[in-house]
C-alpha atoms as a PDB file:
ATOM      1  CA  MET A   1      -6.645 -10.425   4.724  1.00  0.00           C
ATOM      2  CA  ASP A   2      -9.122  -7.736   5.668  1.00  0.00           C
ATOM      3  CA  PHE A   3      -6.938  -5.557   7.949  1.00  0.00           C
ATOM      4  CA  ASN A   4      -9.231  -6.360  10.882  1.00  0.00           C
ATOM      5  CA  GLY A   5     -12.064  -4.435   9.266  1.00  0.00           C
ATOM      6  CA  GLN A   6      -9.952  -1.306   8.790  1.00  0.00           C
ATOM      7  CA  LYS A   7     -11.206   0.404   5.606  1.00  0.00           C
ATOM      8  CA  ILE A   8      -8.605   3.198   5.564  1.00  0.00           C
ATOM      9  CA  LEU A   9      -4.868   2.536   5.561  1.00  0.00           C
ATOM     10  CA  PRO A  10      -3.473   5.913   6.593  1.00  0.00           C
ATOM     11  CA  ALA A  11      -0.403   6.824   4.537  1.00  0.00           C
ATOM     12  CA  ALA A  12       2.291   8.881   6.270  1.00  0.00           C
ATOM     13  CA  ARG A  13       4.119  11.382   4.101  1.00  0.00           C
ATOM     14  CA  HIS A  14       5.684  13.272   7.024  1.00  0.00           C
ATOM     15  CA  MET A  15       6.699  12.567  10.617  1.00  0.00           C
ATOM     16  CA  LYS A  16       3.598  14.402  11.880  1.00  0.00           C
ATOM     17  CA  ASP A  17       1.477  11.946   9.894  1.00  0.00           C
ATOM     18  CA  PHE A  18       3.352   9.023  11.413  1.00  0.00           C
ATOM     19  CA  ASP A  19       2.935  10.475  14.923  1.00  0.00           C
ATOM     20  CA  HIS A  20      -0.802  10.770  14.248  1.00  0.00           C
ATOM     21  CA  ILE A  21      -0.949   7.107  13.175  1.00  0.00           C
ATOM     22  CA  LEU A  22       0.946   6.062  16.308  1.00  0.00           C
ATOM     23  CA  GLU A  23      -1.604   7.890  18.493  1.00  0.00           C
ATOM     24  CA  SER A  24      -4.607   6.552  16.559  1.00  0.00           C
ATOM     25  CA  PRO A  25      -6.545   3.299  16.886  1.00  0.00           C
ATOM     26  CA  PHE A  26      -5.434   2.297  13.367  1.00  0.00           C
ATOM     27  CA  GLU A  27      -3.509  -0.977  13.441  1.00  0.00           C
ATOM     28  CA  TYR A  28      -2.264  -0.772   9.833  1.00  0.00           C
ATOM     29  CA  GLY A  29      -0.634   2.118   7.991  1.00  0.00           C
ATOM     30  CA  VAL A  30       1.657   2.955   5.095  1.00  0.00           C
ATOM     31  CA  PHE A  31       4.996   4.745   4.938  1.00  0.00           C
ATOM     32  CA  LEU A  32       5.534   6.987   1.938  1.00  0.00           C
ATOM     33  CA  ASP A  33       8.571   9.208   1.309  1.00  0.00           C
ATOM     34  CA  THR A  34      11.005   7.938   3.924  1.00  0.00           C
ATOM     35  CA  HIS A  35      14.785   8.049   4.192  1.00  0.00           C
ATOM     36  CA  ILE A  36      16.819   4.892   4.615  1.00  0.00           C
ATOM     37  CA  ALA A  37      18.486   6.243   7.769  1.00  0.00           C
ATOM     38  CA  GLN A  38      15.077   6.666   9.465  1.00  0.00           C
ATOM     39  CA  LEU A  39      13.605   3.270   8.691  1.00  0.00           C
ATOM     40  CA  LYS A  40      14.904   1.188  11.591  1.00  0.00           C
ATOM     41  CA  GLY A  41      13.845   3.760  14.183  1.00  0.00           C
ATOM     42  CA  LEU A  42      10.428   4.256  12.598  1.00  0.00           C
ATOM     43  CA  TYR A  43       9.739   0.528  12.512  1.00  0.00           C
ATOM     44  CA  ASP A  44      10.952   0.078  16.085  1.00  0.00           C
ATOM     45  CA  MET A  45       8.479   2.778  17.228  1.00  0.00           C
ATOM     46  CA  ALA A  46       5.661   1.215  15.225  1.00  0.00           C
ATOM     47  CA  GLU A  47       6.390  -2.264  16.556  1.00  0.00           C
ATOM     48  CA  LYS A  48       6.488  -1.000  20.135  1.00  0.00           C
ATOM     49  CA  LEU A  49       2.931   0.313  19.695  1.00  0.00           C
ATOM     50  CA  LYS A  50       1.789  -2.797  17.770  1.00  0.00           C
ATOM     51  CA  LYS A  51       1.334  -0.902  14.500  1.00  0.00           C
ATOM     52  CA  LYS A  52       1.761  -2.859  11.281  1.00  0.00           C
ATOM     53  CA  MET A  53       3.274  -0.562   8.686  1.00  0.00           C
ATOM     54  CA  PHE A  54       3.576  -1.202   4.981  1.00  0.00           C
ATOM     55  CA  LEU A  55       6.488   0.431   3.192  1.00  0.00           C
ATOM     56  CA  HIS A  56       6.445   1.901  -0.269  1.00  0.00           C
ATOM     57  CA  ALA A  57       9.834   0.573  -1.370  1.00  0.00           C
ATOM     58  CA  ASP A  58      10.013   2.846  -4.430  1.00  0.00           C
ATOM     59  CA  LEU A  59       9.864   5.958  -2.222  1.00  0.00           C
ATOM     60  CA  VAL A  60      12.718   5.182   0.194  1.00  0.00           C
ATOM     61  CA  GLN A  61      15.304   7.892  -0.362  1.00  0.00           C
ATOM     62  CA  GLY A  62      18.855   6.613  -0.434  1.00  0.00           C
ATOM     63  CA  LEU A  63      17.878   3.108  -1.514  1.00  0.00           C
ATOM     64  CA  LYS A  64      17.595   1.785  -5.043  1.00  0.00           C
ATOM     65  CA  ASN A  65      14.261   0.095  -5.695  1.00  0.00           C
ATOM     66  CA  ASP A  66      15.435  -3.308  -6.884  1.00  0.00           C
ATOM     67  CA  GLU A  67      15.385  -6.870  -5.578  1.00  0.00           C
ATOM     68  CA  TYR A  68      18.555  -6.320  -3.495  1.00  0.00           C
ATOM     69  CA  ALA A  69      16.910  -3.397  -1.739  1.00  0.00           C
ATOM     70  CA  ALA A  70      13.791  -5.519  -1.228  1.00  0.00           C
ATOM     71  CA  GLU A  71      15.884  -8.270   0.330  1.00  0.00           C
ATOM     72  CA  PHE A  72      17.503  -5.737   2.683  1.00  0.00           C
ATOM     73  CA  LEU A  73      14.120  -4.285   3.639  1.00  0.00           C
ATOM     74  CA  CYS A  74      12.589  -7.718   4.249  1.00  0.00           C
ATOM     75  CA  GLN A  75      15.508  -8.965   6.349  1.00  0.00           C
ATOM     76  CA  GLN A  76      16.573  -5.845   8.247  1.00  0.00           C
ATOM     77  CA  ILE A  77      13.467  -3.656   8.509  1.00  0.00           C
ATOM     78  CA  ARG A  78      10.770  -6.363   8.360  1.00  0.00           C
ATOM     79  CA  PRO A  79       7.787  -4.261   7.254  1.00  0.00           C
ATOM     80  CA  ALA A  80       4.272  -5.713   7.342  1.00  0.00           C
ATOM     81  CA  GLY A  81       4.379  -5.465   3.564  1.00  0.00           C
ATOM     82  CA  LEU A  82       6.204  -3.900   0.632  1.00  0.00           C
ATOM     83  CA  ILE A  83       4.493  -1.759  -1.984  1.00  0.00           C
ATOM     84  CA  SER A  84       6.199  -1.325  -5.339  1.00  0.00           C
ATOM     85  CA  THR A  85       5.679  -0.831  -9.040  1.00  0.00           C
ATOM     86  CA  ARG A  86       8.695  -3.091  -9.674  1.00  0.00           C
ATOM     87  CA  SER A  87       8.181  -6.781 -10.363  1.00  0.00           C
ATOM     88  CA  GLY A  88      11.572  -7.732  -8.875  1.00  0.00           C
ATOM     89  CA  VAL A  89      10.663  -6.092  -5.566  1.00  0.00           C
ATOM     90  CA  ILE A  90       7.293  -7.855  -5.463  1.00  0.00           C
ATOM     91  CA  LEU A  91       8.804 -11.244  -6.282  1.00  0.00           C
ATOM     92  CA  LYS A  92      11.518 -10.831  -3.624  1.00  0.00           C
ATOM     93  CA  ALA A  93       8.959  -9.792  -0.984  1.00  0.00           C
ATOM     94  CA  LYS A  94       6.924 -12.901  -1.741  1.00  0.00           C
ATOM     95  CA  GLN A  95      10.048 -15.065  -1.578  1.00  0.00           C
ATOM     96  CA  LYS A  96      10.896 -13.586   1.851  1.00  0.00           C
ATOM     97  CA  GLY A  97       7.362 -14.080   3.198  1.00  0.00           C
ATOM     98  CA  VAL A  98       6.500 -10.374   3.308  1.00  0.00           C
ATOM     99  CA  LEU A  99       3.106  -9.193   2.058  1.00  0.00           C
ATOM    100  CA  ALA A 100       3.625  -8.044  -1.551  1.00  0.00           C
ATOM    101  CA  ILE A 101       1.528  -5.161  -2.884  1.00  0.00           C
ATOM    102  CA  GLN A 102       1.915  -4.408  -6.590  1.00  0.00           C
ATOM    103  CA  ARG A 103       1.182  -0.748  -7.311  1.00  0.00           C
ATOM    104  CA  ILE A 104      -0.248  -0.076 -10.758  1.00  0.00           C
ATOM    105  CA  PHE A 105      -1.024   3.231 -12.453  1.00  0.00           C
ATOM    106  CA  LEU A 106      -4.018   2.998 -14.747  1.00  0.00           C
ATOM    107  CA  LEU A 107      -3.574   5.847 -17.185  1.00  0.00           C
ATOM    108  CA  ASP A 108      -5.363   4.297 -20.154  1.00  0.00           C
ATOM    109  CA  THR A 109      -6.397   0.960 -21.684  1.00  0.00           C
ATOM    110  CA  ASN A 110      -2.841   0.180 -22.784  1.00  0.00           C
ATOM    111  CA  ALA A 111      -1.540   0.674 -19.222  1.00  0.00           C
ATOM    112  CA  LEU A 112      -4.322  -1.545 -17.917  1.00  0.00           C
ATOM    113  CA  GLU A 113      -3.475  -4.364 -20.339  1.00  0.00           C
ATOM    114  CA  LYS A 114       0.250  -4.123 -19.509  1.00  0.00           C
ATOM    115  CA  SER A 115      -0.667  -4.214 -15.817  1.00  0.00           C
ATOM    116  CA  TYR A 116      -2.605  -7.457 -16.329  1.00  0.00           C
ATOM    117  CA  GLN A 117       0.521  -9.004 -17.876  1.00  0.00           C
ATOM    118  CA  LEU A 118       2.637  -7.792 -14.945  1.00  0.00           C
ATOM    119  CA  LEU A 119       0.152  -9.107 -12.384  1.00  0.00           C
ATOM    120  CA  GLU A 120       0.090 -12.503 -14.068  1.00  0.00           C
ATOM    121  CA  LYS A 121       3.861 -12.652 -13.640  1.00  0.00           C
ATOM    122  CA  THR A 122       4.122 -11.352 -10.071  1.00  0.00           C
ATOM    123  CA  GLN A 123       0.905 -12.710  -8.505  1.00  0.00           C
ATOM    124  CA  PRO A 124       1.060 -10.214  -5.613  1.00  0.00           C
ATOM    125  CA  ASP A 125      -0.925 -10.568  -2.402  1.00  0.00           C
ATOM    126  CA  PHE A 126      -2.656  -7.237  -3.130  1.00  0.00           C
ATOM    127  CA  ILE A 127      -2.877  -4.761  -5.975  1.00  0.00           C
ATOM    128  CA  GLU A 128      -2.846  -1.041  -5.238  1.00  0.00           C
ATOM    129  CA  VAL A 129      -4.809   0.636  -8.039  1.00  0.00           C
ATOM    130  CA  LEU A 130      -4.096   4.292  -8.783  1.00  0.00           C
ATOM    131  CA  PRO A 131      -6.069   6.391  -9.264  1.00  0.00           C
ATOM    132  CA  GLY A 132      -8.460   4.740  -6.856  1.00  0.00           C
ATOM    133  CA  ALA A 133     -11.466   6.886  -7.705  1.00  0.00           C
ATOM    134  CA  MET A 134     -12.588   4.480 -10.470  1.00  0.00           C
ATOM    135  CA  PRO A 135     -14.980   1.927  -8.964  1.00  0.00           C
ATOM    136  CA  ALA A 136     -15.824   0.262 -12.289  1.00  0.00           C
ATOM    137  CA  ILE A 137     -12.129  -0.323 -13.057  1.00  0.00           C
ATOM    138  CA  ILE A 138     -11.496  -1.593  -9.510  1.00  0.00           C
ATOM    139  CA  LYS A 139     -14.272  -4.120 -10.058  1.00  0.00           C
ATOM    140  CA  GLU A 140     -12.872  -5.123 -13.461  1.00  0.00           C
ATOM    141  CA  VAL A 141      -9.324  -5.589 -12.129  1.00  0.00           C
ATOM    142  CA  TYR A 142     -10.560  -7.736  -9.251  1.00  0.00           C
ATOM    143  CA  GLU A 143     -12.840  -9.838 -11.457  1.00  0.00           C
ATOM    144  CA  ARG A 144     -10.027 -10.467 -13.921  1.00  0.00           C
ATOM    145  CA  THR A 145      -7.243 -11.165 -11.383  1.00  0.00           C
ATOM    146  CA  LYS A 146      -9.056 -12.352  -8.236  1.00  0.00           C
ATOM    147  CA  ILE A 147      -6.358 -10.485  -6.276  1.00  0.00           C
ATOM    148  CA  PRO A 148      -7.614  -8.182  -3.482  1.00  0.00           C
ATOM    149  CA  ILE A 149      -7.477  -4.467  -4.327  1.00  0.00           C
ATOM    150  CA  LEU A 150      -6.303  -1.426  -2.415  1.00  0.00           C
ATOM    151  CA  ALA A 151      -7.445   1.858  -3.928  1.00  0.00           C
ATOM    152  CA  GLY A 152      -5.243   4.929  -3.690  1.00  0.00           C
ATOM    153  CA  GLY A 153      -4.659   8.237  -5.366  1.00  0.00           C
ATOM    154  CA  LEU A 154      -7.185  10.998  -6.008  1.00  0.00           C
ATOM    155  CA  ILE A 155      -9.585   9.719  -3.372  1.00  0.00           C
ATOM    156  CA  ARG A 156     -10.633  12.979  -1.781  1.00  0.00           C
ATOM    157  CA  THR A 157     -14.099  12.544  -0.321  1.00  0.00           C
ATOM    158  CA  ILE A 158     -16.081  10.159   1.827  1.00  0.00           C
ATOM    159  CA  GLU A 159     -18.137   9.388  -1.275  1.00  0.00           C
ATOM    160  CA  ASP A 160     -14.936   8.469  -3.182  1.00  0.00           C
ATOM    161  CA  VAL A 161     -14.022   6.047  -0.376  1.00  0.00           C
ATOM    162  CA  ASN A 162     -17.466   4.476  -0.317  1.00  0.00           C
ATOM    163  CA  LEU A 163     -17.598   4.119  -4.112  1.00  0.00           C
ATOM    164  CA  ALA A 164     -14.153   2.456  -4.207  1.00  0.00           C
ATOM    165  CA  LEU A 165     -15.205   0.047  -1.449  1.00  0.00           C
ATOM    166  CA  GLN A 166     -18.484  -0.681  -3.242  1.00  0.00           C
ATOM    167  CA  GLY A 167     -16.454  -1.296  -6.408  1.00  0.00           C
ATOM    168  CA  GLY A 168     -14.594  -4.064  -4.605  1.00  0.00           C
ATOM    169  CA  ALA A 169     -11.600  -2.454  -2.909  1.00  0.00           C
ATOM    170  CA  THR A 170     -10.624  -4.116   0.355  1.00  0.00           C
ATOM    171  CA  ALA A 171      -9.282  -0.845   1.751  1.00  0.00           C
ATOM    172  CA  ILE A 172      -8.193   2.657   0.758  1.00  0.00           C
ATOM    173  CA  THR A 173      -4.654   4.014   1.069  1.00  0.00           C
ATOM    174  CA  THR A 174      -4.715   7.753   1.675  1.00  0.00           C
ATOM    175  CA  SER A 175      -2.707  10.582   3.188  1.00  0.00           C
ATOM    176  CA  ASN A 176      -5.905  12.641   3.594  1.00  0.00           C
ATOM    177  CA  ARG A 177      -6.286  13.110   7.362  1.00  0.00           C
ATOM    178  CA  LYS A 178      -9.934  14.143   7.064  1.00  0.00           C
ATOM    179  CA  LEU A 179     -10.659  10.703   5.654  1.00  0.00           C
ATOM    180  CA  TRP A 180      -8.607   9.090   8.422  1.00  0.00           C
ATOM    181  CA  GLU A 181     -10.700  10.885  11.015  1.00  0.00           C
ATOM    182  CA  HIS A 182     -14.002   9.977   9.378  1.00  0.00           C
ATOM    183  CA  PHE A 183     -13.133   6.281   9.072  1.00  0.00           C
ATOM    184  CA  THR A 184     -11.257   5.871  12.375  1.00  0.00           C
ATOM    185  CA  PRO A 185     -11.979   2.370  13.690  1.00  0.00           C
END
């Protein structure tokens, strides 16, 4: 999946961000920091405007981030994909036919090696690598796993985006509106 050539997946932290995504030509986006009571309405609005929104399951306030929550999200909310650090959430998303994006934090070599073990177990559809401003590590993770990479976190400049893409990332997840504007399809 290449997100129809979309190199930036705008990530909405606030309603103003979501409104901006709705008004933009972006087809795909990401929900961060949402509340369970808002989800149905947000997804109905997105669907009406043919927006495909991924949901960071770990950041839904009022909902535990476990496989039961993932099952609820997959059946009732039906996001384009679920993002999570939790293996149970990723496995449930895959079971329910929802795009599964395993988020990994690469703090040091030990974290990287533990992430490889996790990825072997979950076999997600995508890996979101944080921080994403490490093109050599993005390349290494892809070469070792052969799972497409999303880069996120600490990507602040156009150069950071281009380096992550050159390193092998399929797309960049970012809440930085300046980057959204620069890479608007």
